[in-house]
Amino acid sequence: MKVGLIGLGRMGEGMSRRMMEQEIEVWGYRRNYEKAQEAYENGYVDGVTTDIETLVYTVHQNKTTGETPGIFMMVVPAETVEDTINELLQYCREGDIIIDHGNSNFKDTRRRAQRLEKLGIQYIDCGTSGGVYGLERGYCLMVGGSTTAVSVCSPIFRALAPGIAAAPRTDPYSSSTSAEYGWLHCGGPGAGHFVKMVHNGIEYGMMQAYAEGFNILKEANAGSKYAKEGDAEVAPMDNPADYCYDIDVSEVAELWRRGSVVGSWLLDLTANVLRNDSELCKFDGGVSDSGEGRWTVHTAVDLGVPAPVISSALYERFNSRRLGNFANRVLNGMRSMFGGHDVR
């Protein structure tokens, strides 16, 4: 099997190396010539080009049968997917398969699949979780598309996925499924990105819960610094002596990794960053949101499904970027006017 891989960043390179280990021939594309050559010289791809036309031509060639349908994998940001497809369509032909491994909106994916189907080209959405650690750990793959196209590409998904040994089997006596190997055909076009969207929405909520919990632990010594006299603008602390714990949050993170019900890979990563810098001084506290959290909340509204945790986590990211500052100043203004309260 031969594939064309568009996007040779750290994640794309990791995916390429896992496929090559399973004897899938990978031809890479990257606009930056020096970076493209570096990937080739490091052995991360079987061949490389800075030209889409050359990539498509190469993938179409087969030493035994001559020309063959091509499989093209996109590992690019969501905002560049449309342009990448348009460029591919200048050279692709009927029977080809295009796979989107990015975090695209499932509604965009459905529209793209319908467009390509009219051209005889099949479109697979493959929500891919694993990031820069996927090379070692494998990638969790949430796949949407036609059964025929997914079947053709199943060797790719098997090569990328973590494998059945990545987690204990829930039912060791049943027949194994592809999900136990780390990939799942979730449904028709858009289903993979739909599941990945919800996956990332859950991730928002989990990350926010960890962040809030560690913040409470960090402030557990506030009582020792409390000055009882004097601040009519802040509700008094009932008993400052209750909060005089100097807790090492990095050690708590290590502790919770071992035998705790809240243990997870996210906690592993948190423990690692806290171990290196317990004050997290290099971060300014402004947290980005890449789209999936918003889409999850929009979808919950469309479906009439309550999602207060995910919604709150999304709004906290807005707040972290000071997008609520004007609202806070409005509150300051009202309190100042109706009660003569001091403005901070």
C-alpha atoms as a PDB file:
ATOM      1  CA  MET A   1       0.000   0.000   0.000  1.00  0.00           C
ATOM      2  CA  LYS A   2       1.170   3.518  -0.852  1.00  0.00           C
ATOM      3  CA  VAL A   3      -0.171   6.790   0.583  1.00  0.00           C
ATOM      4  CA  GLY A   4       0.442  10.487   0.150  1.00  0.00           C
ATOM      5  CA  LEU A   5       0.756  12.385   3.427  1.00  0.00           C
ATOM      6  CA  ILE A   6       0.138  16.125   3.384  1.00  0.00           C
ATOM      7  CA  GLY A   7       1.476  17.757   6.527  1.00  0.00           C
ATOM      8  CA  LEU A   8       4.841  16.699   7.956  1.00  0.00           C
ATOM      9  CA  GLY A   9       4.749  18.435  11.306  1.00  0.00           C
ATOM     10  CA  ARG A  10       5.494  16.461  14.479  1.00  0.00           C
ATOM     11  CA  MET A  11       2.157  14.639  14.339  1.00  0.00           C
ATOM     12  CA  GLY A  12       2.383  13.908  10.613  1.00  0.00           C
ATOM     13  CA  GLU A  13       5.924  12.602  10.960  1.00  0.00           C
ATOM     14  CA  GLY A  14       4.870  10.340  13.820  1.00  0.00           C
ATOM     15  CA  MET A  15       2.012   8.931  11.769  1.00  0.00           C
ATOM     16  CA  SER A  16       4.308   8.350   8.816  1.00  0.00           C
ATOM     17  CA  ARG A  17       6.822   6.442  10.925  1.00  0.00           C
ATOM     18  CA  ARG A  18       4.142   4.172  12.386  1.00  0.00           C
ATOM     19  CA  MET A  19       2.835   3.372   8.898  1.00  0.00           C
ATOM     20  CA  MET A  20       6.323   2.690   7.555  1.00  0.00           C
ATOM     21  CA  GLU A  21       6.902   0.240  10.415  1.00  0.00           C
ATOM     22  CA  GLN A  22       3.955  -1.727   8.981  1.00  0.00           C
ATOM     23  CA  GLU A  23       5.429  -1.587   5.449  1.00  0.00           C
ATOM     24  CA  ILE A  24       3.082   1.076   4.128  1.00  0.00           C
ATOM     25  CA  GLU A  25       4.937   3.255   1.633  1.00  0.00           C
ATOM     26  CA  VAL A  26       4.598   6.917   2.600  1.00  0.00           C
ATOM     27  CA  TRP A  27       5.267   9.845   0.306  1.00  0.00           C
ATOM     28  CA  GLY A  28       5.180  13.170   2.114  1.00  0.00           C
ATOM     29  CA  TYR A  29       4.367  16.708   1.075  1.00  0.00           C
ATOM     30  CA  ARG A  30       5.583  19.862   2.759  1.00  0.00           C
ATOM     31  CA  ARG A  31       5.949  23.324   1.243  1.00  0.00           C
ATOM     32  CA  ASN A  32       9.152  24.110   3.133  1.00  0.00           C
ATOM     33  CA  TYR A  33      11.927  22.429   1.122  1.00  0.00           C
ATOM     34  CA  GLU A  34      14.472  22.273   3.960  1.00  0.00           C
ATOM     35  CA  LYS A  35      11.960  20.738   6.372  1.00  0.00           C
ATOM     36  CA  ALA A  36      10.774  18.300   3.707  1.00  0.00           C
ATOM     37  CA  GLN A  37      14.327  17.154   2.994  1.00  0.00           C
ATOM     38  CA  GLU A  38      15.044  16.854   6.696  1.00  0.00           C
ATOM     39  CA  ALA A  39      12.079  14.488   7.116  1.00  0.00           C
ATOM     40  CA  TYR A  40      13.345  12.353   4.235  1.00  0.00           C
ATOM     41  CA  GLU A  41      16.959  12.301   5.422  1.00  0.00           C
ATOM     42  CA  ASN A  42      15.810  11.294   8.915  1.00  0.00           C
ATOM     43  CA  GLY A  43      13.937   8.346   7.419  1.00  0.00           C
ATOM     44  CA  TYR A  44      10.506   9.604   8.423  1.00  0.00           C
ATOM     45  CA  VAL A  45       9.083   9.178   4.894  1.00  0.00           C
ATOM     46  CA  ASP A  46       9.927   6.989   1.896  1.00  0.00           C
ATOM     47  CA  GLY A  47       9.927  10.010  -0.385  1.00  0.00           C
ATOM     48  CA  VAL A  48       9.087  13.693  -0.234  1.00  0.00           C
ATOM     49  CA  THR A  49       8.005  16.544  -2.481  1.00  0.00           C
ATOM     50  CA  THR A  50       7.091  20.209  -2.205  1.00  0.00           C
ATOM     51  CA  ASP A  51       4.632  19.939  -5.082  1.00  0.00           C
ATOM     52  CA  ILE A  52       1.077  18.508  -4.848  1.00  0.00           C
ATOM     53  CA  GLU A  53       1.008  17.488  -8.524  1.00  0.00           C
ATOM     54  CA  THR A  54       4.159  15.418  -8.064  1.00  0.00           C
ATOM     55  CA  LEU A  55       2.752  13.842  -4.903  1.00  0.00           C
ATOM     56  CA  VAL A  56      -0.464  12.758  -6.642  1.00  0.00           C
ATOM     57  CA  TYR A  57       1.393  11.429  -9.686  1.00  0.00           C
ATOM     58  CA  THR A  58       3.796   9.428  -7.515  1.00  0.00           C
ATOM     59  CA  VAL A  59       1.068   7.885  -5.376  1.00  0.00           C
ATOM     60  CA  HIS A  60      -0.863   6.873  -8.488  1.00  0.00           C
ATOM     61  CA  GLN A  61       2.084   4.875  -9.835  1.00  0.00           C
ATOM     62  CA  ASN A  62       2.331   1.163  -9.025  1.00  0.00           C
ATOM     63  CA  LYS A  63       5.352  -0.905 -10.052  1.00  0.00           C
ATOM     64  CA  THR A  64       3.240  -4.007 -10.717  1.00  0.00           C
ATOM     65  CA  THR A  65      -0.076  -2.774 -12.081  1.00  0.00           C
ATOM     66  CA  GLY A  66       0.810   0.652 -13.436  1.00  0.00           C
ATOM     67  CA  GLU A  67      -1.572   3.385 -12.328  1.00  0.00           C
ATOM     68  CA  THR A  68      -3.740   2.750  -9.276  1.00  0.00           C
ATOM     69  CA  PRO A  69      -6.229   4.795  -7.190  1.00  0.00           C
ATOM     70  CA  GLY A  70      -4.509   6.983  -4.635  1.00  0.00           C
ATOM     71  CA  ILE A  71      -4.990   7.513  -0.909  1.00  0.00           C
ATOM     72  CA  PHE A  72      -4.165  10.983   0.374  1.00  0.00           C
ATOM     73  CA  MET A  73      -4.017  11.802   4.074  1.00  0.00           C
ATOM     74  CA  MET A  74      -4.313  15.398   5.269  1.00  0.00           C
ATOM     75  CA  VAL A  75      -2.756  16.317   8.627  1.00  0.00           C
ATOM     76  CA  VAL A  76      -3.318  20.050   8.363  1.00  0.00           C
ATOM     77  CA  PRO A  77      -5.119  22.740  10.413  1.00  0.00           C
ATOM     78  CA  ALA A  78      -8.895  22.913   9.958  1.00  0.00           C
ATOM     79  CA  GLU A  79      -8.682  26.334   8.335  1.00  0.00           C
ATOM     80  CA  THR A  80      -6.495  24.995   5.500  1.00  0.00           C
ATOM     81  CA  VAL A  81      -8.482  21.822   4.722  1.00  0.00           C
ATOM     82  CA  GLU A  82     -10.663  23.417   2.039  1.00  0.00           C
ATOM     83  CA  ASP A  83      -7.680  24.893   0.182  1.00  0.00           C
ATOM     84  CA  THR A  84      -5.796  21.592   0.410  1.00  0.00           C
ATOM     85  CA  ILE A  85      -8.754  19.676  -1.042  1.00  0.00           C
ATOM     86  CA  ASN A  86      -9.085  22.190  -3.874  1.00  0.00           C
ATOM     87  CA  GLU A  87      -5.412  21.767  -4.698  1.00  0.00           C
ATOM     88  CA  LEU A  88      -5.669  17.972  -4.632  1.00  0.00           C
ATOM     89  CA  LEU A  89      -8.730  18.035  -6.879  1.00  0.00           C
ATOM     90  CA  GLN A  90      -6.686  19.569  -9.672  1.00  0.00           C
ATOM     91  CA  TYR A  91      -4.842  16.234  -9.995  1.00  0.00           C
ATOM     92  CA  CYS A  92      -6.926  13.541  -8.252  1.00  0.00           C
ATOM     93  CA  ARG A  93      -9.289  11.336 -10.206  1.00  0.00           C
ATOM     94  CA  GLU A  94     -12.233   9.002  -9.776  1.00  0.00           C
ATOM     95  CA  GLY A  95     -11.561   6.216  -7.294  1.00  0.00           C
ATOM     96  CA  ASP A  96      -9.161   8.206  -5.117  1.00  0.00           C
ATOM     97  CA  ILE A  97      -9.670   8.514  -1.357  1.00  0.00           C
ATOM     98  CA  ILE A  98      -8.937  11.610   0.721  1.00  0.00           C
ATOM     99  CA  ILE A  99      -8.676  11.325   4.522  1.00  0.00           C
ATOM    100  CA  ASP A 100      -8.957  14.340   6.837  1.00  0.00           C
ATOM    101  CA  HIS A 101      -7.100  13.668  10.101  1.00  0.00           C
ATOM    102  CA  GLY A 102      -7.650  17.200  11.441  1.00  0.00           C
ATOM    103  CA  ASN A 103     -10.261  18.671  13.762  1.00  0.00           C
ATOM    104  CA  SER A 104     -12.780  19.807  11.179  1.00  0.00           C
ATOM    105  CA  ASN A 105     -16.376  20.663  11.991  1.00  0.00           C
ATOM    106  CA  PHE A 106     -18.480  17.587  11.187  1.00  0.00           C
ATOM    107  CA  LYS A 107     -20.924  19.757   9.236  1.00  0.00           C
ATOM    108  CA  ASP A 108     -18.099  20.922   6.948  1.00  0.00           C
ATOM    109  CA  THR A 109     -17.043  17.295   6.578  1.00  0.00           C
ATOM    110  CA  ARG A 110     -20.529  16.227   5.449  1.00  0.00           C
ATOM    111  CA  ARG A 111     -20.573  19.003   2.849  1.00  0.00           C
ATOM    112  CA  ARG A 112     -17.110  18.069   1.553  1.00  0.00           C
ATOM    113  CA  ALA A 113     -17.985  14.379   1.329  1.00  0.00           C
ATOM    114  CA  GLN A 114     -21.098  15.182  -0.723  1.00  0.00           C
ATOM    115  CA  ARG A 115     -19.077  17.392  -3.048  1.00  0.00           C
ATOM    116  CA  LEU A 116     -16.356  14.774  -3.615  1.00  0.00           C
ATOM    117  CA  GLU A 117     -18.845  11.938  -4.053  1.00  0.00           C
ATOM    118  CA  LYS A 118     -20.161  13.680  -7.175  1.00  0.00           C
ATOM    119  CA  LEU A 119     -16.610  13.522  -8.560  1.00  0.00           C
ATOM    120  CA  GLY A 120     -16.215   9.822  -7.760  1.00  0.00           C
ATOM    121  CA  ILE A 121     -13.762  10.550  -4.937  1.00  0.00           C
ATOM    122  CA  GLN A 122     -14.388   9.131  -1.477  1.00  0.00           C
ATOM    123  CA  TYR A 123     -13.844  11.246   1.616  1.00  0.00           C
ATOM    124  CA  ILE A 124     -13.030   9.861   5.062  1.00  0.00           C
ATOM    125  CA  ASP A 125     -13.026  11.913   8.245  1.00  0.00           C
ATOM    126  CA  CYS A 126     -10.671  10.522  10.843  1.00  0.00           C
ATOM    127  CA  GLY A 127     -10.692  12.332  14.176  1.00  0.00           C
ATOM    128  CA  THR A 128      -7.220  11.630  15.506  1.00  0.00           C
ATOM    129  CA  SER A 129      -6.208  11.862  19.168  1.00  0.00           C
ATOM    130  CA  GLY A 130      -2.665  11.318  20.374  1.00  0.00           C
ATOM    131  CA  GLY A 131      -0.797  14.430  19.305  1.00  0.00           C
ATOM    132  CA  VAL A 132       2.979  14.423  19.515  1.00  0.00           C
ATOM    133  CA  TYR A 133       2.903  11.326  21.759  1.00  0.00           C
ATOM    134  CA  GLY A 134       1.162   9.210  19.121  1.00  0.00           C
ATOM    135  CA  LEU A 135       4.380   7.877  17.621  1.00  0.00           C
ATOM    136  CA  GLU A 136       5.095   5.960  20.812  1.00  0.00           C
ATOM    137  CA  ARG A 137       1.581   5.417  22.194  1.00  0.00           C
ATOM    138  CA  GLY A 138      -0.392   5.113  18.975  1.00  0.00           C
ATOM    139  CA  TYR A 139      -3.342   7.225  17.847  1.00  0.00           C
ATOM    140  CA  CYS A 140      -6.994   6.869  18.843  1.00  0.00           C
ATOM    141  CA  LEU A 141      -8.934   7.061  15.566  1.00  0.00           C
ATOM    142  CA  MET A 142     -12.595   8.010  15.173  1.00  0.00           C
ATOM    143  CA  VAL A 143     -13.507   7.270  11.552  1.00  0.00           C
ATOM    144  CA  GLY A 144     -16.424   8.372   9.379  1.00  0.00           C
ATOM    145  CA  GLY A 145     -17.135   7.515   5.755  1.00  0.00           C
ATOM    146  CA  SER A 146     -18.450   4.809   3.478  1.00  0.00           C
ATOM    147  CA  THR A 147     -17.893   1.194   4.459  1.00  0.00           C
ATOM    148  CA  THR A 148     -16.043   0.551   1.187  1.00  0.00           C
ATOM    149  CA  ALA A 149     -13.560   3.402   1.642  1.00  0.00           C
ATOM    150  CA  VAL A 150     -12.964   2.609   5.319  1.00  0.00           C
ATOM    151  CA  SER A 151     -12.341  -1.056   4.456  1.00  0.00           C
ATOM    152  CA  VAL A 152      -9.740  -0.071   1.840  1.00  0.00           C
ATOM    153  CA  CYS A 153      -7.965   2.157   4.373  1.00  0.00           C
ATOM    154  CA  SER A 154      -8.191  -0.239   7.325  1.00  0.00           C
ATOM    155  CA  PRO A 155      -4.472  -1.213   7.102  1.00  0.00           C
ATOM    156  CA  ILE A 156      -3.657   2.466   7.670  1.00  0.00           C
ATOM    157  CA  PHE A 157      -5.880   2.662  10.723  1.00  0.00           C
ATOM    158  CA  ARG A 158      -4.454  -0.553  12.149  1.00  0.00           C
ATOM    159  CA  ALA A 159      -0.926   0.773  11.695  1.00  0.00           C
ATOM    160  CA  LEU A 160      -1.709   4.060  13.439  1.00  0.00           C
ATOM    161  CA  ALA A 161      -3.826   2.724  16.307  1.00  0.00           C
ATOM    162  CA  PRO A 162      -2.326   1.729  19.684  1.00  0.00           C
ATOM    163  CA  GLY A 163      -3.272  -1.962  19.485  1.00  0.00           C
ATOM    164  CA  ILE A 164      -5.246  -4.210  21.778  1.00  0.00           C
ATOM    165  CA  ALA A 165      -2.547  -4.309  24.463  1.00  0.00           C
ATOM    166  CA  ALA A 166      -2.946  -0.576  25.154  1.00  0.00           C
ATOM    167  CA  ALA A 167      -5.692  -1.206  27.743  1.00  0.00           C
ATOM    168  CA  PRO A 168      -7.096  -4.206  29.634  1.00  0.00           C
ATOM    169  CA  ARG A 169     -10.015  -5.776  27.794  1.00  0.00           C
ATOM    170  CA  THR A 170     -13.440  -4.998  29.272  1.00  0.00           C
ATOM    171  CA  ASP A 171     -14.668  -8.473  28.347  1.00  0.00           C
ATOM    172  CA  PRO A 172     -11.703 -10.789  27.738  1.00  0.00           C
ATOM    173  CA  TYR A 173     -13.978 -13.653  26.674  1.00  0.00           C
ATOM    174  CA  SER A 174     -15.713 -11.868  23.807  1.00  0.00           C
ATOM    175  CA  SER A 175     -14.542 -11.491  20.218  1.00  0.00           C
ATOM    176  CA  SER A 176     -12.354  -8.414  19.844  1.00  0.00           C
ATOM    177  CA  THR A 177     -13.541  -5.362  17.909  1.00  0.00           C
ATOM    178  CA  SER A 178     -11.597  -2.669  16.074  1.00  0.00           C
ATOM    179  CA  ALA A 179     -12.351  -0.264  18.960  1.00  0.00           C
ATOM    180  CA  GLU A 180     -10.249  -2.466  21.230  1.00  0.00           C
ATOM    181  CA  TYR A 181      -7.345  -1.951  18.849  1.00  0.00           C
ATOM    182  CA  GLY A 182      -7.838   1.812  18.988  1.00  0.00           C
ATOM    183  CA  TRP A 183      -9.892   2.669  15.911  1.00  0.00           C
ATOM    184  CA  LEU A 184     -13.620   2.655  15.144  1.00  0.00           C
ATOM    185  CA  HIS A 185     -15.768   3.177  12.066  1.00  0.00           C
ATOM    186  CA  CYS A 186     -18.320   5.442  13.771  1.00  0.00           C
ATOM    187  CA  GLY A 187     -20.703   5.841  10.819  1.00  0.00           C
ATOM    188  CA  GLY A 188     -21.138   7.704   7.556  1.00  0.00           C
ATOM    189  CA  PRO A 189     -19.411  10.926   6.486  1.00  0.00           C
ATOM    190  CA  GLY A 190     -18.987  13.308   9.417  1.00  0.00           C
ATOM    191  CA  ALA A 191     -19.483  10.680  12.133  1.00  0.00           C
ATOM    192  CA  GLY A 192     -15.782  10.458  12.930  1.00  0.00           C
ATOM    193  CA  HIS A 193     -15.428  14.206  13.369  1.00  0.00           C
ATOM    194  CA  PHE A 194     -18.683  14.282  15.354  1.00  0.00           C
ATOM    195  CA  VAL A 195     -17.294  11.759  17.860  1.00  0.00           C
ATOM    196  CA  LYS A 196     -13.945  13.588  17.963  1.00  0.00           C
ATOM    197  CA  MET A 197     -15.759  16.873  18.631  1.00  0.00           C
ATOM    198  CA  VAL A 198     -17.498  15.390  21.672  1.00  0.00           C
ATOM    199  CA  HIS A 199     -14.218  13.754  22.723  1.00  0.00           C
ATOM    200  CA  ASN A 200     -12.579  17.191  22.804  1.00  0.00           C
ATOM    201  CA  GLY A 201     -15.567  18.721  24.582  1.00  0.00           C
ATOM    202  CA  ILE A 202     -15.126  16.120  27.328  1.00  0.00           C
ATOM    203  CA  GLU A 203     -11.434  16.969  27.355  1.00  0.00           C
ATOM    204  CA  TYR A 204     -12.315  20.634  28.030  1.00  0.00           C
ATOM    205  CA  GLY A 205     -14.385  19.605  31.056  1.00  0.00           C
ATOM    206  CA  MET A 206     -11.764  17.226  32.443  1.00  0.00           C
ATOM    207  CA  MET A 207      -8.966  19.751  32.059  1.00  0.00           C
ATOM    208  CA  GLN A 208     -11.032  22.459  33.744  1.00  0.00           C
ATOM    209  CA  ALA A 209     -11.827  20.179  36.693  1.00  0.00           C
ATOM    210  CA  TYR A 210      -8.134  19.395  37.215  1.00  0.00           C
ATOM    211  CA  ALA A 211      -7.218  23.089  36.921  1.00  0.00           C
ATOM    212  CA  GLU A 212      -9.844  24.183  39.455  1.00  0.00           C
ATOM    213  CA  GLY A 213      -8.913  21.431  41.894  1.00  0.00           C
ATOM    214  CA  PHE A 214      -5.209  22.260  41.810  1.00  0.00           C
ATOM    215  CA  ASN A 215      -6.059  25.957  42.211  1.00  0.00           C
ATOM    216  CA  ILE A 216      -7.967  25.170  45.433  1.00  0.00           C
ATOM    217  CA  LEU A 217      -4.981  23.182  46.700  1.00  0.00           C
ATOM    218  CA  LYS A 218      -2.663  26.049  45.772  1.00  0.00           C
ATOM    219  CA  GLU A 219      -4.750  28.489  47.864  1.00  0.00           C
ATOM    220  CA  ALA A 220      -5.087  26.157  50.877  1.00  0.00           C
ATOM    221  CA  ASN A 221      -2.655  28.322  52.865  1.00  0.00           C
ATOM    222  CA  ALA A 222      -4.688  31.521  52.446  1.00  0.00           C
ATOM    223  CA  GLY A 223      -5.673  31.532  56.111  1.00  0.00           C
ATOM    224  CA  SER A 224      -2.087  32.123  57.248  1.00  0.00           C
ATOM    225  CA  LYS A 225      -1.991  35.301  55.149  1.00  0.00           C
ATOM    226  CA  TYR A 226      -5.466  36.509  56.086  1.00  0.00           C
ATOM    227  CA  ALA A 227      -5.827  39.949  57.650  1.00  0.00           C
ATOM    228  CA  LYS A 228      -9.117  40.000  59.532  1.00  0.00           C
ATOM    229  CA  GLU A 229      -9.406  43.736  59.916  1.00  0.00           C
ATOM    230  CA  GLY A 230     -10.631  45.769  57.333  1.00  0.00           C
ATOM    231  CA  ASP A 231     -12.068  44.820  53.961  1.00  0.00           C
ATOM    232  CA  ALA A 232     -15.788  45.502  53.714  1.00  0.00           C
ATOM    233  CA  GLU A 233     -15.740  44.627  50.026  1.00  0.00           C
ATOM    234  CA  VAL A 234     -14.871  40.954  50.533  1.00  0.00           C
ATOM    235  CA  ALA A 235     -16.864  38.431  52.570  1.00  0.00           C
ATOM    236  CA  PRO A 236     -14.795  37.560  55.663  1.00  0.00           C
ATOM    237  CA  MET A 237     -13.178  34.158  56.093  1.00  0.00           C
ATOM    238  CA  ASP A 238     -15.030  32.455  58.962  1.00  0.00           C
ATOM    239  CA  ASN A 239     -12.007  30.772  60.481  1.00  0.00           C
ATOM    240  CA  PRO A 240      -8.642  31.485  58.838  1.00  0.00           C
ATOM    241  CA  ALA A 241      -7.020  28.738  60.903  1.00  0.00           C
ATOM    242  CA  ASP A 242      -8.944  26.195  58.822  1.00  0.00           C
ATOM    243  CA  TYR A 243      -6.855  27.138  55.787  1.00  0.00           C
ATOM    244  CA  CYS A 244      -3.228  27.020  56.832  1.00  0.00           C
ATOM    245  CA  TYR A 245      -2.079  24.030  54.762  1.00  0.00           C
ATOM    246  CA  ASP A 246       1.095  24.473  52.731  1.00  0.00           C
ATOM    247  CA  ILE A 247       0.350  21.756  50.175  1.00  0.00           C
ATOM    248  CA  ASP A 248       2.865  20.786  47.498  1.00  0.00           C
ATOM    249  CA  VAL A 249       0.617  20.519  44.461  1.00  0.00           C
ATOM    250  CA  SER A 250       3.273  18.805  42.340  1.00  0.00           C
ATOM    251  CA  GLU A 251       3.515  16.012  44.911  1.00  0.00           C
ATOM    252  CA  VAL A 252      -0.267  15.698  45.066  1.00  0.00           C
ATOM    253  CA  ALA A 253      -0.296  15.288  41.291  1.00  0.00           C
ATOM    254  CA  GLU A 254       2.254  12.484  41.614  1.00  0.00           C
ATOM    255  CA  LEU A 255       0.220  10.895  44.392  1.00  0.00           C
ATOM    256  CA  TRP A 256      -3.028  10.915  42.419  1.00  0.00           C
ATOM    257  CA  ARG A 257      -1.345   9.163  39.497  1.00  0.00           C
ATOM    258  CA  ARG A 258      -1.063   6.039  41.655  1.00  0.00           C
ATOM    259  CA  GLY A 259      -4.220   4.125  42.498  1.00  0.00           C
ATOM    260  CA  SER A 260      -6.558   7.142  42.422  1.00  0.00           C
ATOM    261  CA  VAL A 261      -9.906   7.143  40.635  1.00  0.00           C
ATOM    262  CA  VAL A 262      -8.970  10.533  39.091  1.00  0.00           C
ATOM    263  CA  GLY A 263      -5.796   9.165  37.517  1.00  0.00           C
ATOM    264  CA  SER A 264      -5.489   9.692  33.738  1.00  0.00           C
ATOM    265  CA  TRP A 265      -3.040  10.553  30.991  1.00  0.00           C
ATOM    266  CA  LEU A 266      -4.055  14.208  31.419  1.00  0.00           C
ATOM    267  CA  LEU A 267      -3.001  13.952  35.052  1.00  0.00           C
ATOM    268  CA  ASP A 268       0.296  12.371  33.964  1.00  0.00           C
ATOM    269  CA  LEU A 269       0.959  15.396  31.749  1.00  0.00           C
ATOM    270  CA  THR A 270      -0.085  17.780  34.549  1.00  0.00           C
ATOM    271  CA  ALA A 271       2.289  16.106  37.002  1.00  0.00           C
ATOM    272  CA  ASN A 272       5.100  16.420  34.495  1.00  0.00           C
ATOM    273  CA  VAL A 273       4.593  20.150  33.922  1.00  0.00           C
ATOM    274  CA  LEU A 274       4.220  20.838  37.665  1.00  0.00           C
ATOM    275  CA  ARG A 275       7.371  18.861  38.424  1.00  0.00           C
ATOM    276  CA  ASN A 276       9.360  21.057  36.047  1.00  0.00           C
ATOM    277  CA  ASP A 277       7.826  24.358  37.243  1.00  0.00           C
ATOM    278  CA  SER A 278       5.450  24.238  40.204  1.00  0.00           C
ATOM    279  CA  GLU A 279       4.521  27.912  39.739  1.00  0.00           C
ATOM    280  CA  LEU A 280       3.952  27.500  35.979  1.00  0.00           C
ATOM    281  CA  CYS A 281       5.731  30.810  35.472  1.00  0.00           C
ATOM    282  CA  LYS A 282       6.122  30.495  31.710  1.00  0.00           C
ATOM    283  CA  PHE A 283       2.342  30.507  31.164  1.00  0.00           C
ATOM    284  CA  ASP A 284       0.270  33.704  31.227  1.00  0.00           C
ATOM    285  CA  GLY A 285      -3.023  31.942  31.996  1.00  0.00           C
ATOM    286  CA  GLY A 286      -4.792  32.822  28.747  1.00  0.00           C
ATOM    287  CA  VAL A 287      -6.215  29.559  27.384  1.00  0.00           C
ATOM    288  CA  SER A 288      -7.094  29.133  23.707  1.00  0.00           C
ATOM    289  CA  ASP A 289     -10.071  27.224  22.348  1.00  0.00           C
ATOM    290  CA  SER A 290      -9.613  25.668  18.924  1.00  0.00           C
ATOM    291  CA  GLY A 291     -13.277  25.219  18.021  1.00  0.00           C
ATOM    292  CA  GLU A 292     -14.347  21.768  19.183  1.00  0.00           C
ATOM    293  CA  GLY A 293     -15.605  23.017  22.557  1.00  0.00           C
ATOM    294  CA  ARG A 294     -17.804  25.611  20.862  1.00  0.00           C
ATOM    295  CA  TRP A 295     -19.115  23.065  18.355  1.00  0.00           C
ATOM    296  CA  THR A 296     -19.928  20.636  21.171  1.00  0.00           C
ATOM    297  CA  VAL A 297     -21.927  23.294  23.010  1.00  0.00           C
ATOM    298  CA  HIS A 298     -23.704  24.346  19.793  1.00  0.00           C
ATOM    299  CA  THR A 299     -24.577  20.705  19.136  1.00  0.00           C
ATOM    300  CA  ALA A 300     -25.867  20.224  22.678  1.00  0.00           C
ATOM    301  CA  VAL A 301     -28.171  23.221  22.163  1.00  0.00           C
ATOM    302  CA  ASP A 302     -29.362  21.870  18.798  1.00  0.00           C
ATOM    303  CA  LEU A 303     -30.111  18.491  20.378  1.00  0.00           C
ATOM    304  CA  GLY A 304     -31.592  19.934  23.564  1.00  0.00           C
ATOM    305  CA  VAL A 305     -29.044  17.994  25.624  1.00  0.00           C
ATOM    306  CA  PRO A 306     -27.775  19.558  28.880  1.00  0.00           C
ATOM    307  CA  ALA A 307     -23.986  20.055  28.898  1.00  0.00           C
ATOM    308  CA  PRO A 308     -23.287  22.427  31.822  1.00  0.00           C
ATOM    309  CA  VAL A 309     -19.757  21.185  32.556  1.00  0.00           C
ATOM    310  CA  ILE A 310     -18.517  21.478  28.971  1.00  0.00           C
ATOM    311  CA  SER A 311     -20.268  24.845  28.571  1.00  0.00           C
ATOM    312  CA  SER A 312     -18.740  26.191  31.778  1.00  0.00           C
ATOM    313  CA  ALA A 313     -15.284  24.972  30.757  1.00  0.00           C
ATOM    314  CA  LEU A 314     -15.605  26.757  27.426  1.00  0.00           C
ATOM    315  CA  TYR A 315     -16.710  30.014  29.076  1.00  0.00           C
ATOM    316  CA  GLU A 316     -13.790  29.796  31.516  1.00  0.00           C
ATOM    317  CA  ARG A 317     -11.449  29.757  28.531  1.00  0.00           C
ATOM    318  CA  PHE A 318     -13.086  32.941  27.281  1.00  0.00           C
ATOM    319  CA  ASN A 319     -12.701  34.440  30.754  1.00  0.00           C
ATOM    320  CA  SER A 320      -9.031  33.434  30.906  1.00  0.00           C
ATOM    321  CA  ARG A 321      -8.410  35.616  27.864  1.00  0.00           C
ATOM    322  CA  ARG A 322      -9.998  38.592  29.687  1.00  0.00           C
ATOM    323  CA  LEU A 323     -12.982  38.609  27.360  1.00  0.00           C
ATOM    324  CA  GLY A 324     -15.187  39.237  30.410  1.00  0.00           C
ATOM    325  CA  ASN A 325     -13.309  42.318  31.593  1.00  0.00           C
ATOM    326  CA  PHE A 326     -15.861  44.821  30.299  1.00  0.00           C
ATOM    327  CA  ALA A 327     -18.682  42.922  32.021  1.00  0.00           C
ATOM    328  CA  ASN A 328     -16.671  43.084  35.254  1.00  0.00           C
ATOM    329  CA  ARG A 329     -16.211  46.835  34.844  1.00  0.00           C
ATOM    330  CA  VAL A 330     -19.971  47.182  34.327  1.00  0.00           C
ATOM    331  CA  LEU A 331     -20.444  45.353  37.648  1.00  0.00           C
ATOM    332  CA  ASN A 332     -17.921  47.705  39.274  1.00  0.00           C
ATOM    333  CA  GLY A 333     -19.862  50.654  37.933  1.00  0.00           C
ATOM    334  CA  MET A 334     -23.233  49.450  39.191  1.00  0.00           C
ATOM    335  CA  ARG A 335     -21.895  48.662  42.672  1.00  0.00           C
ATOM    336  CA  SER A 336     -20.172  52.017  42.830  1.00  0.00           C
ATOM    337  CA  MET A 337     -23.369  53.850  41.874  1.00  0.00           C
ATOM    338  CA  PHE A 338     -25.966  52.050  44.012  1.00  0.00           C
ATOM    339  CA  GLY A 339     -23.887  51.393  47.116  1.00  0.00           C
ATOM    340  CA  GLY A 340     -20.915  53.696  47.025  1.00  0.00           C
ATOM    341  CA  HIS A 341     -18.661  50.643  47.026  1.00  0.00           C
ATOM    342  CA  ASP A 342     -14.969  51.024  46.420  1.00  0.00           C
ATOM    343  CA  VAL A 343     -13.907  50.113  42.911  1.00  0.00           C
ATOM    344  CA  ARG A 344     -10.938  47.772  42.663  1.00  0.00           C
END
